[in-house]
Protein backbone atom coordinates (compact mmCIF):
# COMPACT_ATOMS: atom_id res chain seq x y z
CA MET A 1 -27.54 -32.75 -61.85
CA ILE A 2 -25.41 -31.99 -57.96
CA ARG A 3 -25.58 -35.83 -57.01
CA PRO A 4 -26.66 -35.92 -53.34
CA GLY A 5 -23.29 -36.88 -51.38
CA VAL A 6 -21.87 -33.66 -53.29
CA LEU A 7 -24.80 -31.38 -52.16
CA GLY A 8 -24.15 -33.01 -48.52
CA CYS A 9 -20.14 -32.00 -48.97
CA ALA A 10 -20.57 -28.62 -49.95
CA VAL A 11 -23.14 -28.04 -47.10
CA ALA A 12 -21.14 -29.01 -44.40
CA LEU A 13 -18.36 -27.42 -45.81
CA VAL A 14 -20.42 -24.03 -45.71
CA LEU A 15 -21.60 -24.79 -42.26
CA ALA A 16 -18.32 -25.33 -41.14
CA GLY A 17 -16.72 -22.25 -42.45
CA ALA A 18 -19.82 -20.34 -41.16
CA GLY A 19 -19.35 -21.92 -37.54
CA VAL A 20 -22.88 -23.32 -37.27
CA TRP A 21 -21.69 -26.36 -36.06
CA ALA A 22 -19.34 -25.00 -34.04
CA GLN A 23 -21.70 -23.56 -31.42
CA ALA A 24 -22.94 -26.76 -30.33
CA PRO A 25 -21.63 -26.21 -27.07
CA THR A 26 -19.94 -29.51 -24.83
CA THR A 27 -21.62 -30.59 -22.16
CA ARG A 28 -20.53 -33.03 -19.26
CA ASP A 29 -22.43 -34.29 -16.61
CA VAL A 30 -21.05 -35.28 -12.85
CA PRO A 31 -21.05 -39.33 -13.08
CA SER A 32 -23.50 -41.20 -10.92
CA SER A 33 -20.53 -42.91 -9.69
CA VAL A 34 -20.11 -39.49 -7.70
CA VAL A 35 -22.71 -39.90 -5.13
CA ALA A 36 -24.90 -37.05 -4.34
CA ASP A 37 -26.61 -37.42 -1.32
CA CYS A 38 -23.75 -36.24 1.17
CA SER A 39 -23.15 -40.20 2.37
CA ARG A 40 -19.14 -39.71 2.02
CA ASP A 41 -16.92 -37.37 0.77
CA VAL A 42 -16.15 -37.07 -3.25
CA THR A 43 -13.42 -34.25 -2.95
CA ALA A 44 -10.70 -36.55 -4.70
CA ARG A 45 -13.85 -38.24 -6.91
CA LEU A 46 -14.98 -34.90 -8.58
CA ALA A 47 -11.20 -33.08 -8.59
CA ASP A 48 -10.36 -35.92 -11.29
CA PHE A 49 -13.57 -35.47 -12.75
CA PHE A 50 -13.14 -32.04 -13.29
CA ASP A 51 -9.57 -32.57 -14.91
CA SER A 52 -11.09 -34.92 -17.24
CA VAL A 53 -13.64 -31.90 -18.66
CA PRO A 54 -11.93 -30.23 -21.69
CA ASP A 55 -11.89 -26.44 -21.84
CA GLY A 56 -13.99 -24.54 -23.92
CA ARG A 57 -13.53 -21.64 -26.08
CA PRO A 58 -14.83 -18.21 -26.24
CA GLY A 59 -18.49 -17.94 -26.90
CA GLN A 60 -18.57 -21.91 -26.87
CA PRO A 61 -18.00 -22.61 -23.17
CA THR A 62 -18.12 -26.58 -22.13
CA ARG A 63 -21.20 -26.75 -19.26
CA VAL A 64 -20.26 -29.15 -16.13
CA ARG A 65 -23.62 -30.27 -14.51
CA PHE A 66 -24.23 -31.13 -11.50
CA SER A 67 -27.09 -33.63 -10.55
CA PRO A 68 -30.36 -31.68 -10.13
CA GLY A 69 -30.73 -31.21 -6.13
CA GLY A 70 -28.20 -32.99 -5.40
CA CYS A 71 -26.15 -33.27 -2.43
CA TYR A 72 -22.17 -33.41 -2.68
CA ARG A 73 -19.91 -33.78 0.29
CA VAL A 74 -16.30 -32.16 0.14
CA ASP A 75 -14.34 -32.23 3.42
CA GLY A 76 -10.89 -31.20 1.17
CA ARG A 77 -10.53 -28.11 -1.51
CA LEU A 78 -10.99 -28.11 -4.97
CA ARG A 79 -8.45 -26.11 -6.95
CA LEU A 80 -8.78 -25.63 -10.68
CA ALA A 81 -5.44 -23.94 -12.81
CA ASP A 82 -5.45 -22.64 -16.06
CA ARG A 83 -8.92 -23.51 -16.95
CA ARG A 84 -10.47 -21.61 -19.70
CA HIS A 85 -14.37 -21.10 -20.39
CA LEU A 86 -16.20 -23.45 -18.46
CA VAL A 87 -19.64 -23.16 -16.84
CA PHE A 88 -20.35 -24.83 -13.98
CA ASP A 89 -24.06 -25.58 -13.60
CA GLY A 90 -25.16 -26.38 -9.93
CA ARG A 91 -28.88 -27.22 -11.17
CA GLY A 92 -29.68 -26.55 -7.55
CA ALA A 93 -26.90 -28.86 -6.28
CA ALA A 94 -25.69 -28.10 -2.70
CA LEU A 95 -21.56 -29.05 -2.11
CA ARG A 96 -21.35 -29.51 2.06
CA TRP A 97 -18.07 -28.92 3.43
CA THR A 98 -19.11 -30.94 7.08
CA THR A 99 -15.80 -30.91 8.80
CA GLN A 100 -13.68 -28.05 10.10
CA GLY A 101 -10.36 -28.57 8.33
CA GLU A 102 -7.13 -26.62 8.17
CA ARG A 103 -6.85 -22.76 8.01
CA GLY A 104 -6.11 -22.68 4.12
CA ARG A 105 -8.72 -25.23 2.87
CA ARG A 106 -10.71 -23.04 -0.01
CA SER A 107 -13.38 -24.47 -0.51
CA TRP A 108 -13.05 -23.37 -4.34
CA ARG A 109 -9.78 -22.11 -5.46
CA LEU A 110 -9.42 -20.77 -8.95
CA VAL A 111 -6.16 -19.95 -10.38
CA ARG A 112 -5.61 -17.92 -13.52
CA GLY A 113 -7.17 -19.17 -16.56
CA GLU A 114 -10.29 -17.17 -17.75
CA GLY A 115 -14.02 -16.84 -18.58
CA LEU A 116 -15.33 -19.19 -15.84
CA VAL A 117 -18.91 -19.21 -14.45
CA PHE A 118 -20.61 -20.71 -11.34
CA ARG A 119 -24.61 -20.94 -11.36
CA ASP A 120 -27.56 -22.21 -9.47
CA MET A 121 -25.24 -23.98 -6.40
CA VAL A 122 -25.21 -23.83 -2.96
CA VAL A 123 -21.67 -23.83 -1.44
CA GLU A 124 -21.93 -24.63 2.36
CA GLY A 125 -18.72 -24.23 4.73
CA ALA A 126 -18.77 -25.87 8.44
CA HIS A 127 -19.13 -23.35 11.00
CA ALA A 128 -20.74 -24.19 13.90
CA ALA A 129 -21.35 -20.90 14.66
CA PRO A 130 -21.57 -18.73 11.47
CA GLY A 131 -20.95 -15.20 12.08
CA VAL A 132 -18.74 -15.62 14.33
CA TYR A 133 -14.62 -14.87 14.00
CA VAL A 134 -12.12 -17.72 14.40
CA ALA A 135 -8.42 -16.68 13.47
CA GLU A 136 -6.60 -20.31 13.14
CA LEU A 137 -9.86 -20.79 10.42
CA ASP A 138 -10.37 -17.55 9.06
CA ASN A 139 -8.81 -18.65 5.34
CA GLN A 140 -11.64 -20.99 4.52
CA HIS A 141 -13.05 -18.77 1.67
CA GLY A 142 -16.28 -20.40 0.04
CA PHE A 143 -14.50 -18.88 -3.66
CA THR A 144 -10.74 -18.10 -3.56
CA VAL A 145 -10.16 -16.37 -6.88
CA LEU A 146 -6.61 -15.52 -8.11
CA GLY A 147 -5.39 -14.17 -11.26
CA VAL A 148 -8.67 -15.04 -13.66
CA ALA A 149 -9.96 -13.21 -16.48
CA GLY A 150 -13.82 -13.29 -16.07
CA PHE A 151 -15.32 -14.67 -13.82
CA THR A 152 -18.86 -14.70 -12.81
CA LEU A 153 -21.16 -15.73 -9.82
CA GLU A 154 -25.00 -15.98 -10.31
CA ARG A 155 -27.99 -17.10 -8.07
CA VAL A 156 -25.83 -19.33 -5.59
CA ARG A 157 -25.74 -19.02 -2.13
CA VAL A 158 -22.68 -19.38 0.28
CA ALA A 159 -23.14 -20.17 3.71
CA ASN A 160 -21.65 -20.66 7.62
CA VAL A 161 -17.80 -20.16 6.14
CA TYR A 162 -15.00 -19.57 8.45
CA GLY A 163 -13.47 -16.97 5.93
CA ASP A 164 -14.89 -14.63 3.42
CA PHE A 165 -17.68 -15.39 0.98
CA VAL A 166 -15.66 -14.43 -1.91
CA TYR A 167 -11.98 -13.27 -1.77
CA LEU A 168 -10.46 -12.17 -5.32
CA GLY A 169 -6.96 -11.31 -5.70
CA GLY A 170 -3.68 -12.05 -6.69
CA SER A 171 -0.95 -10.10 -5.64
CA LYS A 172 2.55 -10.50 -5.53
CA GLY A 173 4.26 -13.90 -3.65
CA MET A 174 0.96 -16.04 -4.17
CA GLU A 175 1.89 -18.92 -6.90
CA ASP A 176 3.75 -16.33 -9.06
CA LEU A 177 0.73 -14.59 -10.31
CA ARG A 178 1.09 -11.05 -11.93
CA ARG A 179 -2.24 -9.98 -12.47
CA GLY A 180 -5.04 -9.54 -10.31
CA ALA A 181 -8.85 -11.00 -11.12
CA SER A 182 -10.54 -8.90 -13.59
CA ASP A 183 -14.07 -8.95 -14.85
CA VAL A 184 -15.60 -10.26 -12.26
CA VAL A 185 -19.75 -9.93 -11.81
CA ILE A 186 -21.29 -11.53 -8.84
CA THR A 187 -25.47 -11.34 -8.84
CA ASP A 188 -28.34 -12.22 -7.93
CA SER A 189 -27.16 -14.56 -5.22
CA VAL A 190 -27.62 -15.11 -1.34
CA PHE A 191 -24.27 -14.40 0.99
CA GLU A 192 -25.55 -15.25 4.95
CA GLY A 193 -22.52 -16.01 7.85
CA ALA A 194 -18.67 -15.38 7.05
CA GLY A 195 -16.59 -15.79 9.61
CA ARG A 196 -14.19 -12.88 8.48
CA GLN A 197 -15.18 -10.50 5.55
CA GLY A 198 -17.58 -10.75 3.40
CA ILE A 199 -15.91 -10.00 0.20
CA THR A 200 -12.14 -9.59 -0.13
CA LEU A 201 -10.34 -7.51 -2.83
CA SER A 202 -7.20 -7.86 -2.78
CA TRP A 203 -6.28 -7.15 -6.16
CA VAL A 204 -9.20 -7.12 -9.06
CA ASP A 205 -9.51 -4.55 -12.05
CA GLY A 206 -13.60 -4.75 -12.73
CA LEU A 207 -16.21 -6.19 -10.77
CA ARG A 208 -19.77 -5.89 -10.26
CA ILE A 209 -21.93 -6.76 -7.40
CA GLU A 210 -25.46 -6.24 -8.28
CA ARG A 211 -28.70 -7.48 -6.82
CA ASN A 212 -27.24 -9.76 -3.91
CA ARG A 213 -28.53 -10.33 -0.33
CA PHE A 214 -26.02 -10.25 2.47
CA ASP A 215 -26.01 -10.87 6.04
CA ASN A 216 -24.49 -12.18 9.66
CA VAL A 217 -20.45 -11.02 8.79
CA ALA A 218 -18.32 -10.86 11.47
CA ARG A 219 -16.12 -8.14 9.99
CA THR A 220 -16.45 -5.79 6.85
CA LEU A 221 -18.65 -6.45 4.50
CA ILE A 222 -16.45 -5.69 1.17
CA ASP A 223 -12.98 -5.05 2.46
CA ASP A 224 -11.62 -3.03 0.01
CA GLU A 225 -7.55 -3.60 0.75
CA ALA A 226 -4.91 -3.64 -1.02
CA THR A 227 -1.86 -5.47 -0.34
CA ASP A 228 0.92 -3.84 -2.81
CA ASP A 229 0.27 -0.74 -5.19
CA ARG A 230 -1.15 -2.74 -8.01
CA GLY A 231 -3.80 -3.94 -5.85
CA GLY A 232 -6.87 -3.22 -4.31
CA GLY A 233 -10.74 -2.42 -6.34
CA ARG A 234 -10.43 -0.48 -9.60
CA ASP A 235 -13.70 0.08 -11.62
CA VAL A 236 -15.99 -1.37 -9.01
CA LEU A 237 -19.53 -1.33 -8.90
CA VAL A 238 -21.87 -2.41 -5.93
CA ARG A 239 -25.32 -1.90 -7.00
CA ASP A 240 -28.91 -2.52 -5.66
CA ASN A 241 -28.26 -5.34 -2.98
CA ASP A 242 -29.91 -5.77 0.56
CA ILE A 243 -26.51 -5.36 2.97
CA GLY A 244 -27.54 -7.20 6.32
CA GLU A 245 -25.60 -7.40 9.44
CA PHE A 246 -21.85 -6.79 9.48
CA GLY A 247 -19.31 -6.17 12.12
CA HIS A 248 -16.82 -3.60 11.22
CA ALA A 249 -17.31 -1.74 8.10
CA GLY A 250 -19.41 -1.28 5.20
CA TYR A 251 -16.88 -0.94 2.59
CA LEU A 252 -13.73 0.07 3.63
CA ILE A 253 -10.72 0.87 1.79
CA HIS A 254 -7.13 0.61 2.82
CA GLY A 255 -3.83 -0.71 2.16
CA LYS A 256 -1.24 0.57 -0.01
CA GLY A 257 -3.07 0.51 -3.41
CA ARG A 258 -4.57 3.41 -4.89
CA GLN A 259 -8.22 2.15 -5.28
CA ALA A 260 -10.51 4.34 -8.12
CA ASN A 261 -13.65 4.45 -9.89
CA VAL A 262 -15.91 3.04 -6.99
CA ALA A 263 -19.21 3.45 -7.01
CA ILE A 264 -21.43 2.34 -4.20
CA VAL A 265 -25.50 3.17 -5.56
CA ALA A 266 -28.75 2.47 -4.37
CA ASN A 267 -28.25 -0.15 -1.88
CA ARG A 268 -30.29 -1.10 1.03
CA TRP A 269 -29.02 -1.13 4.54
CA ARG A 270 -31.64 -3.29 6.53
CA GLY A 271 -30.67 -2.72 10.54
CA GLU A 272 -27.20 -1.07 9.32
CA VAL A 273 -26.03 2.83 8.83
CA VAL A 274 -25.06 3.22 5.19
CA ASN A 275 -20.86 2.97 5.95
CA VAL A 276 -18.23 4.01 3.66
CA TRP A 277 -14.76 4.71 4.66
CA VAL A 278 -11.62 5.39 2.93
CA LYS A 279 -8.81 5.49 4.91
CA SER A 280 -5.21 6.91 3.50
CA LEU A 281 -2.63 4.89 5.86
CA ASN A 282 -1.69 2.00 4.03
CA ALA A 283 -2.06 -1.26 6.35
CA GLY A 284 1.16 -2.03 7.53
CA GLY A 285 5.06 -1.75 7.92
CA LYS A 286 6.83 0.19 10.30
CA ARG A 287 6.88 3.48 8.24
CA LYS A 288 3.74 3.94 7.12
CA ARG A 289 2.35 6.35 3.73
CA ARG A 290 -0.12 8.03 2.93
CA VAL A 291 -1.66 7.28 -0.27
CA ARG A 292 -4.65 8.70 -2.25
CA ARG A 293 -7.82 7.43 -4.39
CA ARG A 294 -9.65 8.42 -7.40
CA ASN A 295 -13.32 8.75 -7.70
CA ILE A 296 -15.79 7.42 -4.96
CA SER A 297 -19.68 8.02 -5.09
CA VAL A 298 -22.18 6.83 -2.69
CA VAL A 299 -25.15 7.21 -4.15
CA GLY A 300 -28.82 6.71 -3.73
CA ASN A 301 -28.45 4.30 -0.48
CA VAL A 302 -30.92 4.00 2.06
CA SER A 303 -30.53 2.76 5.37
CA ASP A 304 -33.06 1.92 7.97
CA VAL A 305 -31.61 2.70 11.13
CA VAL A 306 -30.47 5.91 13.27
CA GLY A 307 -26.75 6.82 12.83
CA ARG A 308 -24.32 8.96 15.42
CA ALA A 309 -20.93 9.49 14.02
CA PRO A 310 -20.59 10.24 10.71
CA THR A 311 -20.98 6.74 9.03
CA ILE A 312 -19.48 7.87 5.41
CA ASP A 313 -15.70 9.18 6.22
CA ILE A 314 -13.69 9.21 3.23
CA ASP A 315 -9.41 11.11 3.55
CA ARG A 316 -7.35 11.89 0.57
CA THR A 317 -9.42 10.84 -2.62
CA ASP A 318 -9.79 13.14 -5.58
CA GLY A 319 -12.93 13.10 -7.36
CA VAL A 320 -15.77 12.47 -3.99
CA VAL A 321 -19.57 12.74 -4.54
CA VAL A 322 -22.12 11.64 -2.10
CA ARG A 323 -25.95 12.43 -3.14
CA GLY A 324 -29.21 11.00 -2.72
CA ASN A 325 -28.43 8.96 0.15
CA VAL A 326 -31.03 8.31 3.23
CA GLN A 327 -29.38 8.49 6.40
CA HIS A 328 -31.24 9.60 9.74
CA GLY A 329 -28.69 10.72 12.66
CA SER A 330 -29.68 11.14 16.35
CA ASP A 331 -26.68 14.07 17.32
CA PRO A 332 -26.62 17.09 15.81
CA THR A 333 -22.96 17.80 16.55
CA GLN A 334 -22.37 14.75 14.54
CA SER A 335 -22.30 15.38 10.60
CA ALA A 336 -23.40 12.49 8.18
CA VAL A 337 -20.55 12.68 6.42
CA ARG A 338 -16.71 13.60 6.95
CA VAL A 339 -14.33 14.19 3.62
CA THR A 340 -10.65 15.55 4.60
CA GLN A 341 -7.71 16.17 2.36
CA SER A 342 -9.36 16.09 -0.91
CA THR A 343 -10.26 17.35 -4.35
CA GLY A 344 -13.68 17.47 -6.25
CA VAL A 345 -16.01 17.19 -3.61
CA ARG A 346 -19.80 17.11 -4.35
CA ILE A 347 -22.06 16.27 -1.07
CA GLY A 348 -25.68 16.66 -1.58
CA PRO A 349 -28.64 16.77 -1.55
CA ASN A 350 -29.13 13.55 0.81
CA ASP A 351 -31.66 13.07 3.38
CA PHE A 352 -29.20 13.30 7.01
CA THR A 353 -32.34 14.66 8.94
CA GLY A 354 -30.86 14.75 12.78
CA TYR A 355 -27.60 15.60 11.84
CA GLY A 356 -25.76 18.50 12.06
CA GLU A 357 -23.67 20.40 9.22
CA GLN A 358 -21.64 18.08 6.66
CA ARG A 359 -17.90 18.86 7.05
């Protein structure tokens, strides 16, 4: 006969060995002492609370929950460094920056670490005229992600920032980072009113931007600009997004890096042309040099406006695919697509009614 106490110990050992109990997630709620009505600045209180939250583990993240529908006034910067496996669950809460602040005030600044998820929250900047570029404040980004391995935004809204909605990087000289952001997912979110770029890819390996809505961006929607030869975007998928107004370019590849495996697929361009530019000249220095990119695809995009000059312009790229796009034009002396000094080029079929022969 097995005594109950012995049986209980045996069961406990089996469950612990199988990792059953280890699967229970750790949850930490933002304490009620951190006021959630935007009546006063809670930057320091939130920072202290985040410092007290333990890291999670792969498959067992620590969940940080905000007050449902709360409003947190944050006039400083929220910085997380070397944090691992945390899920920030906004539960509909808003983090609101109400003062103009200095140029380098990033709303969320995430440095190194891994497995960071932000969901169901609003990040609202203090830009009084959203979508207008203000040089002295243009580094105030919604999320600055430097060298994080595994970063996810889902069902968030970022609005009215002086800088970018999201900045992804980790180039040399920035806090001694030796890697870029990697394995990044931005999905099912709304981005409205950026004073600089929509999303900057300074250095990212593995990025999926999918099922989002973008509007009112002062400069370039997605700025894939490498600051050194390791940087830029590699293995990037931009798919099934609603793209609204931007000031300069839709997807722009330039800078010093060798961007590769970039696909812009099945996006709806509302009030804008299907706009993808790949520039071969690097972006600085007295002795500019030309660099080559690899595997750029523009497939299945649809615009609802009429274009004139080439809207897809790709230079010095090995592996180019442009097919299934709908972009009507008004000038038969122009082409919708211009590809120069590239190899492995496949254009068509596309619906470029109103344009002339493609080059």
